Amino acid sequence: MRFAPLIVFAGACLLTALASAQTYPTKPIRLIAPSSAGGPVDVIARILSPAWSEALGQQIVIDNRAGAAGQIGAEMVAKALPDGYTLLLGFSGPLVIVPQINVSTPYDTLKDFAPISLAASAPYVLLVHPNVAAKSVKELVALAKAQPGKLNFSSGGTGVGIHMAGELFNLTAGVKITHVPYKGAGPGMTALLAGEVDMMFNGLSAALPQVKAGRLRALALGGDKRSALMPDLPTIAESGYQFNTSGWYGPLAPKDTPRAIVAKLRETLVQTLKMPQVRDRLNDIAVEVNGSTPEEFTALLRQELATWGKVVEAAGLKGKQIN
């Protein structure tokens, strides 16, 4: 019976975890937004947090931790206590792209996090400066092939989703449009507006005012359907190129977070996503409401890791410096 003390200890730990999950949460929750204030990750976090806080009965505090394409914020959560009080609003950059580029990424996406639920997704839009002599994707491709290496595109830094959308475009269309990284999507958009670069993929919500004002030209929308905000804008697939360029967002907890806590976080988040005031505010900025099981979110991460791993390898990005 020498194993009896171990069994008793394990049982006590299980009961403690169950009791903790039943009373959770008893204090404010920190939601790490691994981006600068005002970016899409931050905006989505601030739309979700008031209603999600109400559903949980505790305040959710947004903590912006920008840097290294989201890696800094993601590492903080990966190494946090698995008690449900430190969460990550994850997106493609730190979870499925950075680990493919940075061989010394200090966390493993599939081993160091407990996915809660996919929350939202938003298509990227392909933008060009008005001086670019292309009014369709096919015309842009023809221009790039006629002047190899001359055109360039901006992004919010090496390894972020809008950078990889440009690399995927290069590979799919068989062109070489040079990447110019900036420290954030905002500076990248400023560069495009000033004509410092020719092209950019960016979120539709950020692009819409500039397109309507005639300061930028939209050529196509990522995702699998057109947007009600720009119904005349074709998708990239309709333009003849089969690839998806949508961003996605969803919260994750550190690994070993009790399942009951993950379940409560998911249940209350799904309730939040169904609230009209949340859904309407997200739709107003061209963000679609999702919602999934932890298993479905995990499956998406596996799929995205495989997809972007191929792009990183083909584009020769392995080992490149992450901004």
Protein backbone atom coordinates (compact mmCIF):
# COMPACT_ATOMS: atom_id res chain seq x y z
CA MET A 1 0.00 0.00 0.00
CA ARG A 2 2.96 2.28 -0.40
CA PHE A 3 1.15 4.02 -3.26
CA ALA A 4 -1.81 4.96 -1.08
CA PRO A 5 -0.35 8.35 0.00
CA LEU A 6 0.21 9.27 -3.64
CA ILE A 7 -3.36 8.32 -4.51
CA VAL A 8 -4.71 10.37 -1.63
CA PHE A 9 -2.52 13.34 -2.63
CA ALA A 10 -3.65 13.13 -6.28
CA GLY A 11 -7.27 12.95 -5.16
CA ALA A 12 -6.84 15.98 -2.93
CA CYS A 13 -5.30 17.95 -5.81
CA LEU A 14 -8.21 16.98 -8.06
CA LEU A 15 -10.77 18.10 -5.49
CA THR A 16 -8.90 21.37 -4.99
CA ALA A 17 -8.88 22.01 -8.76
CA LEU A 18 -12.59 21.22 -9.02
CA ALA A 19 -13.44 23.53 -6.13
CA SER A 20 -11.33 26.29 -7.66
CA ALA A 21 -13.07 25.89 -11.02
CA GLN A 22 -16.52 26.05 -9.39
CA THR A 23 -15.78 29.39 -7.72
CA TYR A 24 -13.78 30.83 -10.65
CA PRO A 25 -13.34 33.70 -11.25
CA THR A 26 -12.81 35.45 -7.92
CA LYS A 27 -10.63 38.32 -9.16
CA PRO A 28 -10.03 40.33 -12.37
CA ILE A 29 -8.71 38.47 -15.44
CA ARG A 30 -5.86 39.83 -17.53
CA LEU A 31 -6.34 39.44 -21.29
CA ILE A 32 -3.04 39.90 -23.11
CA ALA A 33 -3.51 41.60 -26.49
CA PRO A 34 -0.14 40.99 -28.20
CA SER A 35 -0.28 44.13 -30.30
CA SER A 36 -0.16 47.90 -29.98
CA ALA A 37 -3.21 49.92 -28.94
CA GLY A 38 -5.57 50.70 -31.80
CA GLY A 39 -4.71 47.66 -33.90
CA PRO A 40 -7.33 45.04 -34.81
CA VAL A 41 -6.39 42.69 -31.95
CA ASP A 42 -6.72 45.53 -29.43
CA VAL A 43 -10.01 46.78 -30.91
CA ILE A 44 -11.57 43.31 -30.89
CA ALA A 45 -10.41 42.73 -27.30
CA ARG A 46 -12.01 46.00 -26.18
CA ILE A 47 -15.29 45.19 -27.90
CA LEU A 48 -15.46 41.76 -26.27
CA SER A 49 -14.21 42.56 -22.79
CA PRO A 50 -17.15 44.55 -21.27
CA ALA A 51 -19.81 41.97 -22.13
CA TRP A 52 -17.52 39.03 -21.40
CA SER A 53 -16.67 40.59 -18.03
CA GLU A 54 -20.37 40.84 -17.23
CA ALA A 55 -20.97 37.21 -18.19
CA LEU A 56 -18.08 36.06 -15.97
CA GLY A 57 -18.87 38.34 -13.06
CA GLN A 58 -15.32 39.74 -12.96
CA GLN A 59 -13.55 42.48 -14.88
CA ILE A 60 -11.38 41.55 -17.86
CA VAL A 61 -8.43 43.95 -18.07
CA ILE A 62 -6.77 44.43 -21.47
CA ASP A 63 -2.97 44.40 -21.34
CA ASN A 64 -1.26 45.42 -24.60
CA ARG A 65 2.08 43.67 -25.08
CA ALA A 66 3.34 44.49 -28.56
CA GLY A 67 6.58 43.29 -30.10
CA ALA A 68 8.12 40.52 -32.20
CA ALA A 69 4.92 39.99 -34.23
CA GLY A 70 3.04 39.11 -31.04
CA GLN A 71 5.68 36.71 -29.68
CA ILE A 72 6.32 38.77 -26.53
CA GLY A 73 2.70 38.67 -25.41
CA ALA A 74 2.26 35.02 -26.34
CA GLU A 75 5.33 34.01 -24.32
CA MET A 76 3.96 35.79 -21.25
CA VAL A 77 0.80 33.69 -21.37
CA ALA A 78 2.62 30.45 -22.18
CA LYS A 79 4.66 30.90 -18.99
CA ALA A 80 1.82 32.21 -16.80
CA LEU A 81 0.16 30.26 -13.99
CA PRO A 82 -2.54 27.97 -15.40
CA ASP A 83 -5.26 29.39 -13.16
CA GLY A 84 -7.46 31.15 -15.71
CA TYR A 85 -6.40 34.66 -14.71
CA THR A 86 -3.99 35.30 -17.59
CA LEU A 87 -5.32 34.77 -21.12
CA LEU A 88 -4.09 35.49 -24.64
CA LEU A 89 -6.17 36.92 -27.45
CA GLY A 90 -4.36 34.90 -30.07
CA PHE A 91 -4.05 35.43 -33.80
CA SER A 92 -2.03 33.95 -36.64
CA GLY A 93 1.20 35.95 -36.16
CA PRO A 94 2.46 34.65 -32.81
CA LEU A 95 0.71 31.28 -32.95
CA VAL A 96 1.25 29.83 -36.43
CA ILE A 97 3.66 32.11 -38.32
CA VAL A 98 6.36 33.26 -35.88
CA PRO A 99 7.11 29.68 -34.75
CA GLN A 100 7.81 28.76 -38.39
CA ILE A 101 10.24 31.66 -38.88
CA ASN A 102 11.95 31.95 -35.50
CA VAL A 103 13.67 28.65 -34.76
CA SER A 104 14.11 29.69 -31.11
CA THR A 105 10.48 30.63 -30.40
CA PRO A 106 10.17 30.16 -26.61
CA TYR A 107 6.88 28.24 -26.73
CA ASP A 108 5.14 25.47 -28.66
CA THR A 109 1.71 26.53 -29.91
CA LEU A 110 0.15 23.08 -29.67
CA LYS A 111 1.77 22.11 -26.35
CA ASP A 112 1.92 25.31 -24.29
CA PHE A 113 -1.61 26.68 -24.69
CA ALA A 114 -5.17 25.58 -23.98
CA PRO A 115 -7.38 26.95 -26.80
CA ILE A 116 -10.73 28.25 -25.57
CA SER A 117 -12.73 29.24 -28.65
CA LEU A 118 -12.32 30.97 -31.96
CA ALA A 119 -14.00 34.35 -31.51
CA ALA A 120 -13.84 36.34 -34.74
CA SER A 121 -12.40 36.51 -38.23
CA ALA A 122 -11.83 39.29 -40.70
CA PRO A 123 -10.79 39.22 -44.36
CA TYR A 124 -7.77 41.15 -45.57
CA VAL A 125 -8.17 43.44 -48.55
CA LEU A 126 -5.57 43.89 -51.30
CA LEU A 127 -4.80 47.60 -51.63
CA VAL A 128 -2.68 49.61 -54.05
CA HIS A 129 -1.71 53.26 -54.21
CA PRO A 130 -3.66 55.16 -56.92
CA ASN A 131 -0.40 55.71 -58.83
CA VAL A 132 -0.16 51.97 -59.48
CA ALA A 133 -1.48 51.28 -62.97
CA ALA A 134 -3.63 48.31 -62.01
CA LYS A 135 -7.36 48.20 -61.42
CA SER A 136 -7.68 44.45 -60.93
CA VAL A 137 -5.65 41.61 -59.48
CA LYS A 138 -4.84 40.28 -62.94
CA GLU A 139 -3.59 43.70 -64.03
CA LEU A 140 -1.42 43.90 -60.90
CA VAL A 141 0.06 40.48 -61.63
CA ALA A 142 0.76 41.45 -65.24
CA LEU A 143 2.43 44.66 -64.05
CA ALA A 144 4.58 42.80 -61.53
CA LYS A 145 5.67 40.25 -64.14
CA ALA A 146 6.53 42.99 -66.62
CA GLN A 147 8.65 44.80 -64.00
CA PRO A 148 10.10 42.07 -61.76
CA GLY A 149 11.44 43.36 -58.46
CA LYS A 150 10.21 46.91 -58.98
CA LEU A 151 6.96 46.81 -57.01
CA ASN A 152 6.93 46.53 -53.21
CA PHE A 153 4.43 46.01 -50.41
CA SER A 154 4.29 47.12 -46.77
CA SER A 155 3.25 45.24 -43.66
CA GLY A 156 3.24 45.62 -39.90
CA GLY A 157 6.46 43.62 -39.55
CA THR A 158 8.05 40.33 -40.56
CA GLY A 159 5.86 37.41 -39.58
CA VAL A 160 2.53 39.17 -39.10
CA GLY A 161 -0.52 37.99 -41.01
CA ILE A 162 -0.59 40.84 -43.53
CA HIS A 163 3.07 40.19 -44.36
CA MET A 164 2.39 36.51 -44.98
CA ALA A 165 -0.65 37.35 -47.10
CA GLY A 166 1.73 39.24 -49.39
CA GLU A 167 4.15 36.31 -49.50
CA LEU A 168 1.29 33.93 -50.28
CA PHE A 169 0.22 36.27 -53.07
CA ASN A 170 3.76 36.19 -54.49
CA LEU A 171 3.82 32.40 -54.48
CA THR A 172 0.32 31.89 -55.84
CA ALA A 173 0.60 34.50 -58.60
CA GLY A 174 4.20 33.67 -59.49
CA VAL A 175 5.48 37.21 -58.93
CA LYS A 176 8.16 38.89 -56.83
CA ILE A 177 6.82 41.96 -55.03
CA THR A 178 9.34 43.07 -52.40
CA HIS A 179 8.36 43.14 -48.75
CA VAL A 180 9.00 46.33 -46.74
CA PRO A 181 8.29 45.79 -43.01
CA TYR A 182 7.13 48.59 -40.74
CA LYS A 183 6.62 48.66 -36.97
CA GLY A 184 2.90 48.11 -37.04
CA ALA A 185 0.06 48.01 -39.56
CA GLY A 186 -0.62 51.72 -38.97
CA PRO A 187 2.84 52.88 -40.13
CA GLY A 188 2.62 50.42 -43.02
CA MET A 189 -0.66 51.98 -44.11
CA THR A 190 0.80 55.48 -43.75
CA ALA A 191 3.63 54.46 -46.07
CA LEU A 192 1.14 53.20 -48.66
CA LEU A 193 -0.91 56.40 -48.45
CA ALA A 194 2.28 58.42 -48.99
CA GLY A 195 3.25 56.36 -52.02
CA GLU A 196 6.40 55.01 -50.35
CA VAL A 197 5.20 51.51 -51.25
CA ASP A 198 2.89 50.24 -53.96
CA MET A 199 0.74 47.61 -52.29
CA MET A 200 -0.49 46.26 -48.98
CA PHE A 201 -2.83 43.68 -47.49
CA ASN A 202 -4.74 45.11 -44.54
CA GLY A 203 -7.95 44.68 -42.60
CA LEU A 204 -11.08 45.89 -44.34
CA SER A 205 -12.08 48.12 -41.42
CA ALA A 206 -8.81 50.07 -41.64
CA ALA A 207 -8.92 50.23 -45.43
CA LEU A 208 -12.54 51.23 -45.98
CA PRO A 209 -12.29 54.98 -45.14
CA GLN A 210 -9.19 55.39 -47.33
CA VAL A 211 -10.79 53.55 -50.25
CA LYS A 212 -14.01 55.57 -50.02
CA ALA A 213 -11.97 58.81 -49.95
CA GLY A 214 -10.10 57.75 -53.10
CA ARG A 215 -6.73 57.73 -51.36
CA LEU A 216 -6.27 54.01 -51.98
CA ARG A 217 -7.65 51.51 -54.50
CA ALA A 218 -9.03 48.13 -53.38
CA LEU A 219 -8.49 45.30 -55.86
CA ALA A 220 -9.87 42.25 -54.07
CA LEU A 221 -11.00 40.85 -50.75
CA GLY A 222 -9.67 37.75 -49.01
CA GLY A 223 -12.02 35.20 -47.52
CA ASP A 224 -14.60 33.05 -49.24
CA LYS A 225 -17.31 35.65 -49.83
CA ARG A 226 -17.81 39.33 -50.59
CA SER A 227 -18.38 41.86 -47.83
CA ALA A 228 -21.65 43.72 -47.39
CA LEU A 229 -19.52 46.82 -46.71
CA MET A 230 -18.03 46.65 -50.23
CA PRO A 231 -20.39 44.42 -52.22
CA ASP A 232 -18.87 45.34 -55.59
CA LEU A 233 -15.37 44.30 -54.57
CA PRO A 234 -14.56 40.78 -55.87
CA THR A 235 -12.87 38.17 -53.77
CA ILE A 236 -9.36 37.02 -54.61
CA ALA A 237 -10.83 33.68 -55.67
CA GLU A 238 -13.21 35.46 -58.05
CA SER A 239 -10.15 37.26 -59.42
CA GLY A 240 -8.63 33.95 -60.43
CA TYR A 241 -6.31 33.08 -57.53
CA GLN A 242 -7.17 30.33 -55.08
CA PHE A 243 -6.02 31.38 -51.65
CA ASN A 244 -7.57 32.77 -48.48
CA THR A 245 -6.23 35.85 -46.69
CA SER A 246 -8.35 36.25 -43.59
CA GLY A 247 -7.25 37.04 -40.07
CA TRP A 248 -8.71 35.14 -37.11
CA TYR A 249 -8.78 35.81 -33.38
CA GLY A 250 -9.49 33.70 -30.32
CA PRO A 251 -8.53 33.45 -26.64
CA LEU A 252 -6.22 30.82 -25.21
CA ALA A 253 -5.13 29.96 -21.67
CA PRO A 254 -1.82 28.48 -20.51
CA LYS A 255 -1.51 24.69 -20.76
CA ASP A 256 -2.75 22.71 -17.75
CA THR A 257 -5.52 25.21 -17.06
CA PRO A 258 -8.33 23.11 -15.49
CA ARG A 259 -10.84 21.92 -18.06
CA ALA A 260 -13.72 23.27 -16.01
CA ILE A 261 -12.22 26.77 -16.17
CA VAL A 262 -11.65 26.49 -19.92
CA ALA A 263 -15.24 25.31 -20.31
CA LYS A 264 -16.58 28.25 -18.30
CA LEU A 265 -14.51 30.72 -20.32
CA ARG A 266 -15.77 29.21 -23.57
CA GLU A 267 -19.40 29.12 -22.43
CA THR A 268 -19.40 32.76 -21.36
CA LEU A 269 -17.51 33.85 -24.49
CA VAL A 270 -20.04 32.16 -26.77
CA GLN A 271 -22.82 33.92 -24.82
CA THR A 272 -20.97 37.20 -25.35
CA LEU A 273 -20.61 36.65 -29.09
CA LYS A 274 -24.36 36.16 -29.40
CA MET A 275 -25.15 39.53 -27.81
CA PRO A 276 -26.49 41.97 -30.45
CA GLN A 277 -24.40 44.89 -29.17
CA VAL A 278 -21.22 42.82 -29.54
CA ARG A 279 -22.11 41.28 -32.89
CA ASP A 280 -23.18 44.65 -34.33
CA ARG A 281 -20.02 46.45 -33.20
CA LEU A 282 -17.83 43.73 -34.69
CA ASN A 283 -19.80 43.71 -37.94
CA ASP A 284 -19.43 47.49 -38.15
CA ILE A 285 -15.65 47.05 -38.42
CA ALA A 286 -15.97 44.19 -40.94
CA VAL A 287 -15.26 41.48 -38.36
CA GLU A 288 -17.35 38.31 -38.46
CA VAL A 289 -18.42 36.61 -35.24
CA ASN A 290 -17.38 32.96 -34.92
CA GLY A 291 -17.37 30.65 -31.92
CA SER A 292 -16.03 27.12 -31.70
CA THR A 293 -15.11 24.30 -29.37
CA PRO A 294 -11.56 24.07 -28.02
CA GLU A 295 -11.07 21.04 -30.26
CA GLU A 296 -12.15 22.95 -33.36
CA PHE A 297 -9.81 25.81 -32.45
CA THR A 298 -6.96 23.31 -32.02
CA ALA A 299 -7.73 21.81 -35.44
CA LEU A 300 -7.54 25.29 -36.99
CA LEU A 301 -4.14 25.87 -35.37
CA ARG A 302 -2.83 22.57 -36.80
CA GLN A 303 -4.14 23.44 -40.25
CA GLU A 304 -2.69 26.95 -40.17
CA LEU A 305 0.71 25.71 -38.96
CA ALA A 306 0.87 23.38 -41.95
CA THR A 307 -0.22 26.07 -44.43
CA TRP A 308 2.13 28.80 -43.27
CA GLY A 309 5.00 26.38 -42.79
CA LYS A 310 4.95 25.77 -46.53
CA VAL A 311 4.81 29.50 -47.29
CA VAL A 312 7.70 30.28 -44.92
CA GLU A 313 9.83 27.58 -46.51
CA ALA A 314 9.02 28.58 -50.09
CA ALA A 315 9.64 32.27 -49.37
CA GLY A 316 12.97 31.55 -47.64
CA LEU A 317 11.89 33.18 -44.38
CA LYS A 318 13.15 30.55 -41.94
CA GLY A 319 15.56 32.20 -39.50
CA LYS A 320 14.71 35.75 -40.56
CA GLN A 321 14.63 38.41 -37.87
CA ILE A 322 11.20 39.03 -36.36
CA ASN A 323 10.42 42.74 -35.95
